[in-house]
Amino acid sequence: LDLLVDDLEVRRRIAVQHIDQFAHQVFRQ
């Protein structure tokens, strides 16, 4: 994505996380 996406606004709309990282983030909140 870093190679493909130049627009900073577009980059801010896209989050990259592996599945357990996302699960733990939701849990911790």
Full PDB file with SEQRES, HELIX, SHEET, SSBOND, CRYST1, ORIGX, SCALE, CONECT and MASTER records, all heavy atoms in Angstrom:
SEQRES   1 A   29  LEU ASP LEU LEU VAL ASP ASP LEU GLU VAL ARG ARG ARG          
SEQRES   2 A   29  ILE ALA VAL GLN HIS ILE ASP GLN PHE ALA HIS GLN VAL          
SEQRES   3 A   29  PHE ARG GLN                                                  
HELIX    1 AA1 LEU A    8  ARG A   13  1                                   6    
HELIX    2 AA2 ILE A   19  ARG A   28  1                                  10    
CRYST1    1.000    1.000    1.000  90.00  90.00  90.00 P 1           1          
ORIGX1      1.000000  0.000000  0.000000        0.00000                         
ORIGX2      0.000000  1.000000  0.000000        0.00000                         
ORIGX3      0.000000  0.000000  1.000000        0.00000                         
SCALE1      1.000000  0.000000  0.000000        0.00000                         
SCALE2      0.000000  1.000000  0.000000        0.00000                         
SCALE3      0.000000  0.000000  1.000000        0.00000                         
ATOM      1  N   LEU A   1       0.829  -1.209   0.000  1.00  0.00           N  
ATOM      2  CA  LEU A   1       0.000   0.000   0.000  1.00  0.00           C  
ATOM      3  C   LEU A   1       0.861   1.256   0.000  1.00  0.00           C  
ATOM      4  O   LEU A   1       0.526   2.250  -0.657  1.00  0.00           O  
ATOM      5  CB  LEU A   1      -0.940  -0.004   1.211  1.00  0.00           C  
ATOM      6  CG  LEU A   1      -2.167  -0.902   1.065  1.00  0.00           C  
ATOM      7  CD1 LEU A   1      -2.830  -1.132   2.420  1.00  0.00           C  
ATOM      8  CD2 LEU A   1      -3.171  -0.285   0.097  1.00  0.00           C  
ATOM      9  N   ASP A   2       1.966   1.226   0.745  1.00  0.00           N  
ATOM     10  CA  ASP A   2       2.871   2.382   0.754  1.00  0.00           C  
ATOM     11  C   ASP A   2       3.405   2.656  -0.648  1.00  0.00           C  
ATOM     12  O   ASP A   2       3.595   3.808  -1.047  1.00  0.00           O  
ATOM     13  CB  ASP A   2       4.041   2.136   1.714  1.00  0.00           C  
ATOM     14  CG  ASP A   2       3.605   2.157   3.176  1.00  0.00           C  
ATOM     15  OD1 ASP A   2       2.497   2.657   3.457  1.00  0.00           O  
ATOM     16  OD2 ASP A   2       4.369   1.655   4.022  1.00  0.00           O  
ATOM     17  N   LEU A   3       3.654   1.584  -1.394  1.00  0.00           N  
ATOM     18  CA  LEU A   3       4.157   1.728  -2.754  1.00  0.00           C  
ATOM     19  C   LEU A   3       3.077   2.243  -3.694  1.00  0.00           C  
ATOM     20  O   LEU A   3       3.352   2.994  -4.629  1.00  0.00           O  
ATOM     21  CB  LEU A   3       4.668   0.362  -3.244  1.00  0.00           C  
ATOM     22  CG  LEU A   3       5.377   0.298  -4.587  1.00  0.00           C  
ATOM     23  CD1 LEU A   3       6.690   1.067  -4.543  1.00  0.00           C  
ATOM     24  CD2 LEU A   3       5.639  -1.153  -4.969  1.00  0.00           C  
ATOM     25  N   LEU A   4       1.846   1.874  -3.428  1.00  0.00           N  
ATOM     26  CA  LEU A   4       0.751   2.149  -4.358  1.00  0.00           C  
ATOM     27  C   LEU A   4       0.018   3.449  -4.067  1.00  0.00           C  
ATOM     28  O   LEU A   4      -0.443   4.129  -4.981  1.00  0.00           O  
ATOM     29  CB  LEU A   4      -0.241   0.981  -4.307  1.00  0.00           C  
ATOM     30  CG  LEU A   4      -1.365   0.970  -5.341  1.00  0.00           C  
ATOM     31  CD1 LEU A   4      -0.797   0.851  -6.747  1.00  0.00           C  
ATOM     32  CD2 LEU A   4      -2.318  -0.184  -5.070  1.00  0.00           C  
ATOM     33  N   VAL A   5      -0.116   3.813  -2.799  1.00  0.00           N  
ATOM     34  CA  VAL A   5      -0.967   4.948  -2.401  1.00  0.00           C  
ATOM     35  C   VAL A   5      -0.098   6.143  -2.039  1.00  0.00           C  
ATOM     36  O   VAL A   5       0.650   6.117  -1.054  1.00  0.00           O  
ATOM     37  CB  VAL A   5      -1.875   4.563  -1.207  1.00  0.00           C  
ATOM     38  CG1 VAL A   5      -2.762   5.738  -0.826  1.00  0.00           C  
ATOM     39  CG2 VAL A   5      -2.714   3.340  -1.550  1.00  0.00           C  
ATOM     40  N   ASP A   6      -0.208   7.211  -2.816  1.00  0.00           N  
ATOM     41  CA  ASP A   6       0.551   8.437  -2.558  1.00  0.00           C  
ATOM     42  C   ASP A   6      -0.250   9.453  -1.753  1.00  0.00           C  
ATOM     43  O   ASP A   6       0.317  10.235  -0.985  1.00  0.00           O  
ATOM     44  CB  ASP A   6       0.982   9.084  -3.888  1.00  0.00           C  
ATOM     45  CG  ASP A   6       1.943   8.206  -4.669  1.00  0.00           C  
ATOM     46  OD1 ASP A   6       2.770   7.540  -4.029  1.00  0.00           O  
ATOM     47  OD2 ASP A   6       1.853   8.183  -5.913  1.00  0.00           O  
ATOM     48  N   ASP A   7      -1.554   9.468  -1.921  1.00  0.00           N  
ATOM     49  CA  ASP A   7      -2.413  10.465  -1.290  1.00  0.00           C  
ATOM     50  C   ASP A   7      -2.504  10.205   0.215  1.00  0.00           C  
ATOM     51  O   ASP A   7      -2.960   9.142   0.654  1.00  0.00           O  
ATOM     52  CB  ASP A   7      -3.806  10.403  -1.925  1.00  0.00           C  
ATOM     53  CG  ASP A   7      -4.678  11.576  -1.513  1.00  0.00           C  
ATOM     54  OD1 ASP A   7      -4.832  11.797  -0.304  1.00  0.00           O  
ATOM     55  OD2 ASP A   7      -5.224  12.244  -2.410  1.00  0.00           O  
ATOM     56  N   LEU A   8      -2.089  11.191   1.032  1.00  0.00           N  
ATOM     57  CA  LEU A   8      -2.087  11.013   2.488  1.00  0.00           C  
ATOM     58  C   LEU A   8      -3.494  10.840   3.042  1.00  0.00           C  
ATOM     59  O   LEU A   8      -3.708  10.092   4.005  1.00  0.00           O  
ATOM     60  CB  LEU A   8      -1.396  12.202   3.160  1.00  0.00           C  
ATOM     61  CG  LEU A   8       0.105  12.326   2.903  1.00  0.00           C  
ATOM     62  CD1 LEU A   8       0.663  13.566   3.599  1.00  0.00           C  
ATOM     63  CD2 LEU A   8       0.839  11.082   3.393  1.00  0.00           C  
ATOM     64  N   GLU A   9      -4.475  11.521   2.458  1.00  0.00           N  
ATOM     65  CA  GLU A   9      -5.853  11.382   2.927  1.00  0.00           C  
ATOM     66  C   GLU A   9      -6.354   9.962   2.707  1.00  0.00           C  
ATOM     67  O   GLU A   9      -7.038   9.384   3.559  1.00  0.00           O  
ATOM     68  CB  GLU A   9      -6.763  12.383   2.215  1.00  0.00           C  
ATOM     69  CG  GLU A   9      -6.623  13.812   2.699  1.00  0.00           C  
ATOM     70  CD  GLU A   9      -6.989  13.938   4.175  1.00  0.00           C  
ATOM     71  OE1 GLU A   9      -7.982  13.319   4.604  1.00  0.00           O  
ATOM     72  OE2 GLU A   9      -6.260  14.638   4.906  1.00  0.00           O  
ATOM     73  N   VAL A  10      -6.021   9.390   1.555  1.00  0.00           N  
ATOM     74  CA  VAL A  10      -6.425   8.005   1.276  1.00  0.00           C  
ATOM     75  C   VAL A  10      -5.729   7.058   2.250  1.00  0.00           C  
ATOM     76  O   VAL A  10      -6.342   6.126   2.782  1.00  0.00           O  
ATOM     77  CB  VAL A  10      -6.103   7.632  -0.181  1.00  0.00           C  
ATOM     78  CG1 VAL A  10      -6.414   6.153  -0.434  1.00  0.00           C  
ATOM     79  CG2 VAL A  10      -6.894   8.506  -1.140  1.00  0.00           C  
ATOM     80  N   ARG A  11      -4.448   7.292   2.506  1.00  0.00           N  
ATOM     81  CA  ARG A  11      -3.709   6.435   3.445  1.00  0.00           C  
ATOM     82  C   ARG A  11      -4.347   6.452   4.831  1.00  0.00           C  
ATOM     83  O   ARG A  11      -4.403   5.428   5.511  1.00  0.00           O  
ATOM     84  CB  ARG A  11      -2.254   6.902   3.558  1.00  0.00           C  
ATOM     85  CG  ARG A  11      -1.392   6.510   2.382  1.00  0.00           C  
ATOM     86  CD  ARG A  11       0.068   6.711   2.713  1.00  0.00           C  
ATOM     87  NE  ARG A  11       0.932   6.394   1.590  1.00  0.00           N  
ATOM     88  CZ  ARG A  11       2.248   6.319   1.674  1.00  0.00           C  
ATOM     89  NH1 ARG A  11       2.849   6.532   2.819  1.00  0.00           N  
ATOM     90  NH2 ARG A  11       2.967   6.022   0.615  1.00  0.00           N  
ATOM     91  N   ARG A  12      -4.819   7.617   5.263  1.00  0.00           N  
ATOM     92  CA  ARG A  12      -5.412   7.714   6.605  1.00  0.00           C  
ATOM     93  C   ARG A  12      -6.726   6.944   6.709  1.00  0.00           C  
ATOM     94  O   ARG A  12      -7.151   6.588   7.804  1.00  0.00           O  
ATOM     95  CB  ARG A  12      -5.617   9.182   6.982  1.00  0.00           C  
ATOM     96  CG  ARG A  12      -4.348   9.852   7.495  1.00  0.00           C  
ATOM     97  CD  ARG A  12      -4.660  11.197   8.127  1.00  0.00           C  
ATOM     98  NE  ARG A  12      -4.827  12.233   7.127  1.00  0.00           N  
ATOM     99  CZ  ARG A  12      -3.846  13.040   6.718  1.00  0.00           C  
ATOM    100  NH1 ARG A  12      -2.622  12.901   7.223  1.00  0.00           N  
ATOM    101  NH2 ARG A  12      -4.070  13.964   5.806  1.00  0.00           N  
ATOM    102  N   ARG A  13      -7.373   6.712   5.585  1.00  0.00           N  
ATOM    103  CA  ARG A  13      -8.643   5.963   5.610  1.00  0.00           C  
ATOM    104  C   ARG A  13      -8.429   4.453   5.641  1.00  0.00           C  
ATOM    105  O   ARG A  13      -9.373   3.701   5.833  1.00  0.00           O  
ATOM    106  CB  ARG A  13      -9.488   6.320   4.381  1.00  0.00           C  
ATOM    107  CG  ARG A  13      -9.927   7.774   4.322  1.00  0.00           C  
ATOM    108  CD  ARG A  13     -10.873   8.019   3.153  1.00  0.00           C  
ATOM    109  NE  ARG A  13     -10.955   9.438   2.863  1.00  0.00           N  
ATOM    110  CZ  ARG A  13     -10.496  10.022   1.762  1.00  0.00           C  
ATOM    111  NH1 ARG A  13      -9.956   9.263   0.808  1.00  0.00           N  
ATOM    112  NH2 ARG A  13     -10.582  11.313   1.586  1.00  0.00           N  
ATOM    113  N   ILE A  14      -7.196   4.003   5.426  1.00  0.00           N  
ATOM    114  CA  ILE A  14      -6.914   2.567   5.324  1.00  0.00           C  
ATOM    115  C   ILE A  14      -6.065   2.132   6.515  1.00  0.00           C  
ATOM    116  O   ILE A  14      -4.968   2.650   6.731  1.00  0.00           O  
ATOM    117  CB  ILE A  14      -6.175   2.241   4.012  1.00  0.00           C  
ATOM    118  CG1 ILE A  14      -6.995   2.705   2.806  1.00  0.00           C  
ATOM    119  CG2 ILE A  14      -5.902   0.744   3.917  1.00  0.00           C  
ATOM    120  CD1 ILE A  14      -6.266   2.575   1.481  1.00  0.00           C  
ATOM    121  N   ALA A  15      -6.575   1.178   7.292  1.00  0.00           N  
ATOM    122  CA  ALA A  15      -5.829   0.607   8.417  1.00  0.00           C  
ATOM    123  C   ALA A  15      -5.403  -0.812   8.055  1.00  0.00           C  
ATOM    124  O   ALA A  15      -6.194  -1.589   7.525  1.00  0.00           O  
ATOM    125  CB  ALA A  15      -6.693   0.583   9.672  1.00  0.00           C  
ATOM    126  N   VAL A  16      -4.142  -1.137   8.346  1.00  0.00           N  
ATOM    127  CA  VAL A  16      -3.628  -2.480   8.093  1.00  0.00           C  
ATOM    128  C   VAL A  16      -3.295  -3.128   9.438  1.00  0.00           C  
ATOM    129  O   VAL A  16      -2.449  -2.631  10.178  1.00  0.00           O  
ATOM    130  CB  VAL A  16      -2.373  -2.452   7.195  1.00  0.00           C  
ATOM    131  CG1 VAL A  16      -1.879  -3.871   6.933  1.00  0.00           C  
ATOM    132  CG2 VAL A  16      -2.657  -1.740   5.888  1.00  0.00           C  
ATOM    133  N   GLN A  17      -3.987  -4.205   9.774  1.00  0.00           N  
ATOM    134  CA  GLN A  17      -3.755  -4.925  11.028  1.00  0.00           C  
ATOM    135  C   GLN A  17      -3.964  -6.414  10.793  1.00  0.00           C  
ATOM    136  O   GLN A  17      -4.886  -6.799  10.066  1.00  0.00           O  
ATOM    137  CB  GLN A  17      -4.737  -4.484  12.120  1.00  0.00           C  
ATOM    138  CG  GLN A  17      -4.586  -3.054  12.606  1.00  0.00           C  
ATOM    139  CD  GLN A  17      -5.629  -2.733  13.669  1.00  0.00           C  
ATOM    140  OE1 GLN A  17      -6.824  -2.813  13.417  1.00  0.00           O  
ATOM    141  NE2 GLN A  17      -5.173  -2.406  14.859  1.00  0.00           N  
ATOM    142  N   HIS A  18      -3.124  -7.252  11.425  1.00  0.00           N  
ATOM    143  CA  HIS A  18      -3.443  -8.674  11.356  1.00  0.00           C  
ATOM    144  C   HIS A  18      -4.597  -8.956  12.313  1.00  0.00           C  
ATOM    145  O   HIS A  18      -4.879  -8.187  13.236  1.00  0.00           O  
ATOM    146  CB  HIS A  18      -2.223  -9.546  11.609  1.00  0.00           C  
ATOM    147  CG  HIS A  18      -1.682  -9.524  13.000  1.00  0.00           C  
ATOM    148  ND1 HIS A  18      -2.215 -10.277  14.017  1.00  0.00           N  
ATOM    149  CD2 HIS A  18      -0.633  -8.847  13.536  1.00  0.00           C  
ATOM    150  CE1 HIS A  18      -1.529 -10.077  15.116  1.00  0.00           C  
ATOM    151  NE2 HIS A  18      -0.574  -9.209  14.859  1.00  0.00           N  
ATOM    152  N   ILE A  19      -5.278 -10.052  12.109  1.00  0.00           N  
ATOM    153  CA  ILE A  19      -6.582 -10.289  12.714  1.00  0.00           C  
ATOM    154  C   ILE A  19      -6.536 -10.310  14.236  1.00  0.00           C  
ATOM    155  O   ILE A  19      -7.414  -9.745  14.903  1.00  0.00           O  
ATOM    156  CB  ILE A  19      -7.203 -11.594  12.160  1.00  0.00           C  
ATOM    157  CG1 ILE A  19      -8.648 -11.740  12.588  1.00  0.00           C  
ATOM    158  CG2 ILE A  19      -6.378 -12.791  12.519  1.00  0.00           C  
ATOM    159  CD1 ILE A  19      -9.585 -10.805  11.885  1.00  0.00           C  
ATOM    160  N   ASP A  20      -5.507 -10.925  14.841  1.00  0.00           N  
ATOM    161  CA  ASP A  20      -5.439 -10.959  16.301  1.00  0.00           C  
ATOM    162  C   ASP A  20      -5.086  -9.594  16.877  1.00  0.00           C  
ATOM    163  O   ASP A  20      -5.527  -9.248  17.980  1.00  0.00           O  
ATOM    164  CB  ASP A  20      -4.430 -12.015  16.757  1.00  0.00           C  
ATOM    165  CG  ASP A  20      -5.033 -13.407  16.734  1.00  0.00           C  
ATOM    166  OD1 ASP A  20      -6.257 -13.528  16.889  1.00  0.00           O  
ATOM    167  OD2 ASP A  20      -4.283 -14.387  16.552  1.00  0.00           O  
ATOM    168  N   GLN A  21      -4.298  -8.827  16.152  1.00  0.00           N  
ATOM    169  CA  GLN A  21      -4.006  -7.455  16.588  1.00  0.00           C  
ATOM    170  C   GLN A  21      -5.296  -6.648  16.683  1.00  0.00           C  
ATOM    171  O   GLN A  21      -5.528  -5.926  17.660  1.00  0.00           O  
ATOM    172  CB  GLN A  21      -3.038  -6.807  15.599  1.00  0.00           C  
ATOM    173  CG  GLN A  21      -2.625  -5.384  15.959  1.00  0.00           C  
ATOM    174  CD  GLN A  21      -1.743  -4.767  14.887  1.00  0.00           C  
ATOM    175  OE1 GLN A  21      -1.631  -5.287  13.773  1.00  0.00           O  
ATOM    176  NE2 GLN A  21      -1.112  -3.662  15.212  1.00  0.00           N  
ATOM    177  N   PHE A  22      -6.160  -6.796  15.693  1.00  0.00           N  
ATOM    178  CA  PHE A  22      -7.438  -6.091  15.709  1.00  0.00           C  
ATOM    179  C   PHE A  22      -8.323  -6.589  16.847  1.00  0.00           C  
ATOM    180  O   PHE A  22      -8.940  -5.799  17.566  1.00  0.00           O  
ATOM    181  CB  PHE A  22      -8.143  -6.281  14.369  1.00  0.00           C  
ATOM    182  CG  PHE A  22      -9.546  -5.753  14.327  1.00  0.00           C  
ATOM    183  CD1 PHE A  22      -9.822  -4.419  14.596  1.00  0.00           C  
ATOM    184  CD2 PHE A  22     -10.613  -6.593  14.033  1.00  0.00           C  
ATOM    185  CE1 PHE A  22     -11.122  -3.929  14.566  1.00  0.00           C  
ATOM    186  CE2 PHE A  22     -11.916  -6.115  13.987  1.00  0.00           C  
ATOM    187  CZ  PHE A  22     -12.170  -4.787  14.267  1.00  0.00           C  
ATOM    188  N   ALA A  23      -8.376  -7.911  17.051  1.00  0.00           N  
ATOM    189  CA  ALA A  23      -9.203  -8.472  18.129  1.00  0.00           C  
ATOM    190  C   ALA A  23      -8.757  -7.958  19.492  1.00  0.00           C  
ATOM    191  O   ALA A  23      -9.582  -7.569  20.331  1.00  0.00           O  
ATOM    192  CB  ALA A  23      -9.147  -9.998  18.080  1.00  0.00           C  
ATOM    193  N   HIS A  24      -7.453  -7.963  19.728  1.00  0.00           N  
ATOM    194  CA  HIS A  24      -6.938  -7.491  21.018  1.00  0.00           C  
ATOM    195  C   HIS A  24      -7.190  -5.997  21.195  1.00  0.00           C  
ATOM    196  O   HIS A  24      -7.436  -5.529  22.321  1.00  0.00           O  
ATOM    197  CB  HIS A  24      -5.448  -7.808  21.133  1.00  0.00           C  
ATOM    198  CG  HIS A  24      -5.169  -9.223  21.551  1.00  0.00           C  
ATOM    199  ND1 HIS A  24      -4.754  -9.560  22.815  1.00  0.00           N  
ATOM    200  CD2 HIS A  24      -5.285 -10.388  20.875  1.00  0.00           C  
ATOM    201  CE1 HIS A  24      -4.606 -10.869  22.908  1.00  0.00           C  
ATOM    202  NE2 HIS A  24      -4.915 -11.399  21.738  1.00  0.00           N  
ATOM    203  N   GLN A  25      -7.136  -5.238  20.113  1.00  0.00           N  
ATOM    204  CA  GLN A  25      -7.424  -3.802  20.216  1.00  0.00           C  
ATOM    205  C   GLN A  25      -8.858  -3.569  20.665  1.00  0.00           C  
ATOM    206  O   GLN A  25      -9.118  -2.750  21.560  1.00  0.00           O  
ATOM    207  CB  GLN A  25      -7.194  -3.139  18.864  1.00  0.00           C  
ATOM    208  CG  GLN A  25      -7.556  -1.662  18.819  1.00  0.00           C  
ATOM    209  CD  GLN A  25      -7.373  -1.083  17.431  1.00  0.00           C  
ATOM    210  OE1 GLN A  25      -6.294  -1.161  16.846  1.00  0.00           O  
ATOM    211  NE2 GLN A  25      -8.417  -0.513  16.868  1.00  0.00           N  
ATOM    212  N   VAL A  26      -9.800  -4.284  20.063  1.00  0.00           N  
ATOM    213  CA  VAL A  26     -11.206  -4.156  20.460  1.00  0.00           C  
ATOM    214  C   VAL A  26     -11.385  -4.590  21.913  1.00  0.00           C  
ATOM    215  O   VAL A  26     -12.086  -3.933  22.701  1.00  0.00           O  
ATOM    216  CB  VAL A  26     -12.095  -5.008  19.527  1.00  0.00           C  
ATOM    217  CG1 VAL A  26     -13.542  -5.019  20.029  1.00  0.00           C  
ATOM    218  CG2 VAL A  26     -12.031  -4.482  18.103  1.00  0.00           C  
ATOM    219  N   PHE A  27     -10.748  -5.680  22.296  1.00  0.00           N  
ATOM    220  CA  PHE A  27     -10.854  -6.193  23.664  1.00  0.00           C  
ATOM    221  C   PHE A  27     -10.326  -5.171  24.667  1.00  0.00           C  
ATOM    222  O   PHE A  27     -10.970  -4.892  25.693  1.00  0.00           O  
ATOM    223  CB  PHE A  27     -10.081  -7.510  23.767  1.00  0.00           C  
ATOM    224  CG  PHE A  27     -10.167  -8.172  25.111  1.00  0.00           C  
ATOM    225  CD1 PHE A  27     -11.080  -9.186  25.335  1.00  0.00           C  
ATOM    226  CD2 PHE A  27      -9.328  -7.789  26.157  1.00  0.00           C  
ATOM    227  CE1 PHE A  27     -11.161  -9.809  26.582  1.00  0.00           C  
ATOM    228  CE2 PHE A  27      -9.404  -8.390  27.397  1.00  0.00           C  
ATOM    229  CZ  PHE A  27     -10.327  -9.409  27.613  1.00  0.00           C  
ATOM    230  N   ARG A  28      -9.138  -4.606  24.402  1.00  0.00           N  
ATOM    231  CA  ARG A  28      -8.517  -3.681  25.350  1.00  0.00           C  
ATOM    232  C   ARG A  28      -9.344  -2.423  25.545  1.00  0.00           C  
ATOM    233  O   ARG A  28      -9.360  -1.844  26.645  1.00  0.00           O  
ATOM    234  CB  ARG A  28      -7.106  -3.314  24.878  1.00  0.00           C  
ATOM    235  CG  ARG A  28      -6.087  -4.429  25.063  1.00  0.00           C  
ATOM    236  CD  ARG A  28      -4.666  -3.898  24.932  1.00  0.00           C  
ATOM    237  NE  ARG A  28      -4.460  -3.222  23.662  1.00  0.00           N  
ATOM    238  CZ  ARG A  28      -4.042  -3.830  22.553  1.00  0.00           C  
ATOM    239  NH1 ARG A  28      -3.806  -5.140  22.579  1.00  0.00           N  
ATOM    240  NH2 ARG A  28      -3.858  -3.155  21.441  1.00  0.00           N  
ATOM    241  N   GLN A  29      -9.990  -1.962  24.490  1.00  0.00           N  
ATOM    242  CA  GLN A  29     -10.819  -0.760  24.626  1.00  0.00           C  
ATOM    243  C   GLN A  29     -11.942  -0.958  25.627  1.00  0.00           C  
ATOM    244  O   GLN A  29     -12.386  -0.004  26.266  1.00  0.00           O  
ATOM    245  CB  GLN A  29     -11.389  -0.380  23.255  1.00  0.00           C  
ATOM    246  CG  GLN A  29     -10.340   0.146  22.279  1.00  0.00           C  
ATOM    247  CD  GLN A  29     -10.889   0.336  20.872  1.00  0.00           C  
ATOM    248  OE1 GLN A  29     -12.000  -0.101  20.562  1.00  0.00           O  
ATOM    249  NE2 GLN A  29     -10.119   0.985  20.016  1.00  0.00           N  
TER     250      GLN A  29                                                      
MASTER        0    0    0    2    0    0    0    6  249    1    0    3          
END                                                                             
